[in-house]
Each structure stands twice: as structure tokens, then as C-alpha cells.
């Protein structure tokens, strides 16, 4: 993960958010937790490189998948509160 490009980490985060959402919908908590753990590791790596890298998740707020919007909006609440809150409000 440490050698991956930021763009690759964001793409993987997007995939994991989809996987996690599908796992929740299928009551597969083990798969959901595994995806969440990897999402968290990606967020830590992006932050380690530069705290502003979390903003690279902003384009994911426009995803057609609600789980992708949700999982990206939550960490963005601290860096881009308006965009993060708006994305979460659209999910509800």
C-alpha cells in the first residue's frame, strides 16, 4: 500500500465502499468489517502522506452508489464539511 499512487488508493477505497455496502445488504458482517478495515488503512496512508490527501475523496461524493458516497463523506466531514454533509443528506 505504501508504494501505491494516491489515485490507486482512492480507486481501491471506492471499490471497498461498494463491497462493504453489498456485504451489509447481504448481512455479511465479516466481509463488511474486512472492507472497512482496509478502507481505514487507506485513509491512514493518505493522511500519512499529506492530511490534505483526504480531499482526493471529493469526487466520490458524486458516485451513483450510496455506499461510496457515505463512506467517502464521513472522513470528508472534517476537511470539507459542506460537501460531506450535503452528500450524506442526499443519501437519506
N, C-alpha and C. Protein backbone atom coordinates (compact mmCIF):
# COMPACT_ATOMS: atom_id res chain seq x y z
N UNK A 1 0.83 -1.20 0.00
CA UNK A 1 0.00 0.00 0.00
C UNK A 1 0.87 1.26 0.00
N UNK A 2 2.01 1.19 0.64
CA UNK A 2 2.87 2.37 0.74
C UNK A 2 3.45 2.78 -0.61
N UNK A 3 3.51 1.86 -1.55
CA UNK A 3 4.06 2.21 -2.86
C UNK A 3 2.97 2.57 -3.88
N UNK A 4 1.71 2.40 -3.51
CA UNK A 4 0.61 2.70 -4.43
C UNK A 4 0.47 4.21 -4.61
N UNK A 5 0.07 4.60 -5.80
CA UNK A 5 -0.22 6.02 -6.07
C UNK A 5 -1.49 6.43 -5.34
N UNK A 6 -1.58 7.71 -5.02
CA UNK A 6 -2.79 8.21 -4.35
C UNK A 6 -4.05 7.86 -5.14
N UNK A 7 -3.98 8.01 -6.45
CA UNK A 7 -5.15 7.72 -7.28
C UNK A 7 -5.57 6.26 -7.17
N UNK A 8 -4.58 5.38 -7.06
CA UNK A 8 -4.88 3.95 -6.91
C UNK A 8 -5.52 3.67 -5.55
N UNK A 9 -5.06 4.37 -4.53
CA UNK A 9 -5.66 4.20 -3.20
C UNK A 9 -7.11 4.66 -3.20
N UNK A 10 -7.38 5.77 -3.86
CA UNK A 10 -8.75 6.28 -3.93
C UNK A 10 -9.63 5.30 -4.72
N UNK A 11 -9.11 4.77 -5.80
CA UNK A 11 -9.88 3.80 -6.59
C UNK A 11 -10.17 2.55 -5.76
N UNK A 12 -9.20 2.10 -5.00
CA UNK A 12 -9.40 0.94 -4.13
C UNK A 12 -10.42 1.26 -3.04
N UNK A 13 -10.36 2.46 -2.48
CA UNK A 13 -11.33 2.89 -1.47
C UNK A 13 -12.74 2.82 -2.04
N UNK A 14 -12.89 3.29 -3.27
CA UNK A 14 -14.20 3.26 -3.93
C UNK A 14 -14.69 1.82 -4.07
N UNK A 15 -13.82 0.93 -4.50
CA UNK A 15 -14.19 -0.48 -4.63
C UNK A 15 -14.60 -1.07 -3.29
N UNK A 16 -13.83 -0.76 -2.27
CA UNK A 16 -14.12 -1.30 -0.95
C UNK A 16 -15.44 -0.78 -0.40
N UNK A 17 -15.76 0.46 -0.67
CA UNK A 17 -17.04 1.01 -0.21
C UNK A 17 -18.19 0.25 -0.86
N UNK A 18 -18.05 -0.09 -2.12
CA UNK A 18 -19.07 -0.87 -2.81
C UNK A 18 -19.18 -2.27 -2.21
N UNK A 19 -18.03 -2.88 -1.97
CA UNK A 19 -18.00 -4.22 -1.37
C UNK A 19 -18.64 -4.20 0.00
N UNK A 20 -18.30 -3.20 0.79
CA UNK A 20 -18.84 -3.09 2.15
C UNK A 20 -20.36 -2.92 2.12
N UNK A 21 -20.84 -2.08 1.22
CA UNK A 21 -22.28 -1.88 1.11
C UNK A 21 -23.01 -3.14 0.72
N UNK A 22 -22.47 -3.85 -0.24
CA UNK A 22 -23.08 -5.11 -0.67
C UNK A 22 -23.04 -6.13 0.47
N UNK A 23 -21.95 -6.17 1.20
CA UNK A 23 -21.84 -7.08 2.34
C UNK A 23 -22.90 -6.76 3.40
N UNK A 24 -23.09 -5.48 3.69
CA UNK A 24 -24.14 -5.09 4.64
C UNK A 24 -25.51 -5.54 4.15
N UNK A 25 -25.77 -5.30 2.88
CA UNK A 25 -27.08 -5.66 2.33
C UNK A 25 -27.32 -7.16 2.37
N UNK A 26 -26.24 -7.94 2.38
CA UNK A 26 -26.35 -9.40 2.44
C UNK A 26 -26.09 -9.94 3.85
N UNK A 27 -26.07 -9.05 4.83
CA UNK A 27 -25.84 -9.44 6.23
C UNK A 27 -24.54 -10.19 6.44
N UNK A 28 -23.53 -9.84 5.67
CA UNK A 28 -22.21 -10.47 5.78
C UNK A 28 -21.30 -9.52 6.55
N UNK A 29 -21.41 -9.55 7.86
CA UNK A 29 -20.64 -8.60 8.68
C UNK A 29 -19.14 -8.85 8.59
N UNK A 30 -18.74 -10.09 8.39
CA UNK A 30 -17.31 -10.38 8.28
C UNK A 30 -16.71 -9.67 7.07
N UNK A 31 -17.37 -9.77 5.93
CA UNK A 31 -16.87 -9.10 4.71
C UNK A 31 -16.95 -7.58 4.86
N UNK A 32 -18.01 -7.09 5.49
CA UNK A 32 -18.16 -5.65 5.70
C UNK A 32 -17.03 -5.12 6.59
N UNK A 33 -16.74 -5.85 7.65
CA UNK A 33 -15.67 -5.43 8.56
C UNK A 33 -14.31 -5.49 7.89
N UNK A 34 -14.08 -6.49 7.07
CA UNK A 34 -12.81 -6.61 6.35
C UNK A 34 -12.63 -5.43 5.39
N UNK A 35 -13.69 -5.09 4.66
CA UNK A 35 -13.63 -3.95 3.75
C UNK A 35 -13.40 -2.65 4.52
N UNK A 36 -14.09 -2.50 5.65
CA UNK A 36 -13.94 -1.30 6.47
C UNK A 36 -12.50 -1.18 6.98
N UNK A 37 -11.92 -2.29 7.42
CA UNK A 37 -10.54 -2.24 7.91
C UNK A 37 -9.58 -1.78 6.82
N UNK A 38 -9.79 -2.24 5.60
CA UNK A 38 -8.91 -1.82 4.50
C UNK A 38 -9.18 -0.36 4.13
N UNK A 39 -10.45 0.05 4.17
CA UNK A 39 -10.76 1.48 3.93
C UNK A 39 -10.02 2.36 4.94
N UNK A 40 -10.06 1.94 6.19
CA UNK A 40 -9.40 2.70 7.25
C UNK A 40 -7.90 2.77 7.03
N UNK A 41 -7.31 1.67 6.60
CA UNK A 41 -5.88 1.66 6.31
C UNK A 41 -5.54 2.62 5.17
N UNK A 42 -6.40 2.67 4.18
CA UNK A 42 -6.19 3.60 3.06
C UNK A 42 -6.28 5.04 3.54
N UNK A 43 -7.26 5.33 4.36
CA UNK A 43 -7.38 6.69 4.90
C UNK A 43 -6.15 7.07 5.71
N UNK A 44 -5.66 6.13 6.51
CA UNK A 44 -4.45 6.41 7.30
C UNK A 44 -3.24 6.67 6.40
N UNK A 45 -3.12 5.89 5.33
CA UNK A 45 -2.00 6.06 4.41
C UNK A 45 -2.09 7.40 3.68
N UNK A 46 -3.27 7.75 3.22
CA UNK A 46 -3.43 9.06 2.56
C UNK A 46 -3.09 10.18 3.53
N UNK A 47 -3.54 10.07 4.76
CA UNK A 47 -3.26 11.09 5.77
C UNK A 47 -1.78 11.14 6.11
N UNK A 48 -1.15 9.98 6.18
CA UNK A 48 0.29 9.93 6.49
C UNK A 48 1.08 10.68 5.44
N UNK A 49 0.69 10.53 4.19
CA UNK A 49 1.40 11.20 3.09
C UNK A 49 1.20 12.70 3.14
N UNK A 50 -0.03 13.10 3.40
CA UNK A 50 -0.39 14.52 3.49
C UNK A 50 -1.84 14.59 3.94
N UNK A 51 -2.12 15.22 5.06
CA UNK A 51 -3.51 15.27 5.54
C UNK A 51 -4.51 15.80 4.51
N UNK A 52 -4.06 16.67 3.61
CA UNK A 52 -4.96 17.20 2.59
C UNK A 52 -5.33 16.15 1.53
N UNK A 53 -4.65 15.02 1.53
CA UNK A 53 -4.97 13.97 0.56
C UNK A 53 -6.38 13.41 0.76
N UNK A 54 -6.96 13.58 1.92
CA UNK A 54 -8.33 13.11 2.15
C UNK A 54 -9.27 13.79 1.16
N UNK A 55 -8.93 14.99 0.74
CA UNK A 55 -9.75 15.71 -0.24
C UNK A 55 -9.81 14.99 -1.59
N UNK A 56 -8.91 14.06 -1.82
CA UNK A 56 -8.96 13.28 -3.05
C UNK A 56 -10.22 12.42 -3.12
N UNK A 57 -10.91 12.27 -2.01
CA UNK A 57 -12.17 11.52 -1.98
C UNK A 57 -13.35 12.36 -2.47
N UNK A 58 -13.17 13.65 -2.62
CA UNK A 58 -14.27 14.53 -3.02
C UNK A 58 -15.03 14.06 -4.26
N UNK A 59 -14.35 13.63 -5.32
CA UNK A 59 -15.10 13.16 -6.50
C UNK A 59 -16.02 11.97 -6.21
N UNK A 60 -15.69 11.20 -5.18
CA UNK A 60 -16.52 10.04 -4.85
C UNK A 60 -17.89 10.45 -4.30
N UNK A 61 -18.02 11.69 -3.87
CA UNK A 61 -19.31 12.17 -3.37
C UNK A 61 -20.35 12.24 -4.48
N UNK A 62 -19.89 12.19 -5.72
CA UNK A 62 -20.80 12.24 -6.86
C UNK A 62 -21.10 10.85 -7.43
N UNK A 63 -20.65 9.83 -6.73
CA UNK A 63 -20.87 8.46 -7.18
C UNK A 63 -22.37 8.16 -7.24
N UNK A 64 -22.74 7.26 -8.11
CA UNK A 64 -24.13 6.82 -8.18
C UNK A 64 -24.44 5.81 -7.07
N UNK A 65 -23.41 5.29 -6.43
CA UNK A 65 -23.59 4.32 -5.36
C UNK A 65 -23.64 5.02 -4.00
N UNK A 66 -24.72 4.80 -3.28
CA UNK A 66 -24.89 5.48 -1.99
C UNK A 66 -23.83 5.06 -0.98
N UNK A 67 -23.38 3.81 -1.01
CA UNK A 67 -22.35 3.38 -0.06
C UNK A 67 -21.02 4.09 -0.32
N UNK A 68 -20.71 4.33 -1.56
CA UNK A 68 -19.48 5.05 -1.89
C UNK A 68 -19.59 6.49 -1.39
N UNK A 69 -20.74 7.11 -1.63
CA UNK A 69 -20.94 8.48 -1.13
C UNK A 69 -20.84 8.53 0.39
N UNK A 70 -21.46 7.57 1.05
CA UNK A 70 -21.46 7.54 2.51
C UNK A 70 -20.05 7.36 3.06
N UNK A 71 -19.35 6.34 2.57
CA UNK A 71 -18.03 6.05 3.12
C UNK A 71 -17.01 7.14 2.81
N UNK A 72 -17.19 7.88 1.74
CA UNK A 72 -16.27 8.98 1.46
C UNK A 72 -16.70 10.26 2.18
N UNK A 73 -17.98 10.44 2.40
CA UNK A 73 -18.47 11.66 3.04
C UNK A 73 -18.04 11.76 4.50
N UNK A 74 -18.04 10.64 5.18
CA UNK A 74 -17.74 10.68 6.61
C UNK A 74 -16.35 11.24 6.91
N UNK A 75 -15.27 10.73 6.29
CA UNK A 75 -13.97 11.35 6.59
C UNK A 75 -13.86 12.78 6.05
N UNK A 76 -14.64 13.09 5.02
CA UNK A 76 -14.58 14.44 4.46
C UNK A 76 -15.29 15.47 5.33
N UNK A 77 -16.11 15.03 6.26
CA UNK A 77 -16.80 15.98 7.14
C UNK A 77 -15.81 16.88 7.89
N UNK A 78 -14.62 16.37 8.15
CA UNK A 78 -13.63 17.15 8.88
C UNK A 78 -12.87 18.12 7.99
N UNK A 79 -12.80 17.82 6.69
CA UNK A 79 -11.99 18.63 5.77
C UNK A 79 -12.84 19.49 4.84
N UNK A 80 -13.99 18.99 4.47
CA UNK A 80 -14.92 19.71 3.59
C UNK A 80 -16.33 19.49 4.14
N UNK A 81 -16.63 20.11 5.27
CA UNK A 81 -17.89 19.82 5.96
C UNK A 81 -19.14 20.04 5.11
N UNK A 82 -19.15 21.09 4.30
CA UNK A 82 -20.34 21.35 3.49
C UNK A 82 -20.59 20.24 2.49
N UNK A 83 -19.54 19.85 1.77
CA UNK A 83 -19.69 18.81 0.76
C UNK A 83 -20.04 17.47 1.39
N UNK A 84 -19.38 17.14 2.50
CA UNK A 84 -19.64 15.88 3.18
C UNK A 84 -21.06 15.80 3.71
N UNK A 85 -21.50 16.87 4.36
CA UNK A 85 -22.86 16.90 4.91
C UNK A 85 -23.89 16.83 3.81
N UNK A 86 -23.66 17.54 2.74
CA UNK A 86 -24.60 17.55 1.60
C UNK A 86 -24.74 16.14 1.03
N UNK A 87 -23.63 15.44 0.87
CA UNK A 87 -23.67 14.09 0.33
C UNK A 87 -24.44 13.15 1.25
N UNK A 88 -24.24 13.29 2.54
CA UNK A 88 -24.96 12.44 3.50
C UNK A 88 -26.46 12.75 3.49
N UNK A 89 -26.81 14.02 3.37
CA UNK A 89 -28.23 14.40 3.32
C UNK A 89 -28.93 13.82 2.10
N UNK A 90 -28.20 13.73 0.97
CA UNK A 90 -28.78 13.17 -0.25
C UNK A 90 -29.04 11.66 -0.12
N UNK A 91 -28.28 11.00 0.75
CA UNK A 91 -28.46 9.56 0.94
C UNK A 91 -29.76 9.28 1.68
N UNK A 92 -30.07 10.12 2.63
CA UNK A 92 -31.25 9.92 3.47
C UNK A 92 -32.50 10.25 2.77
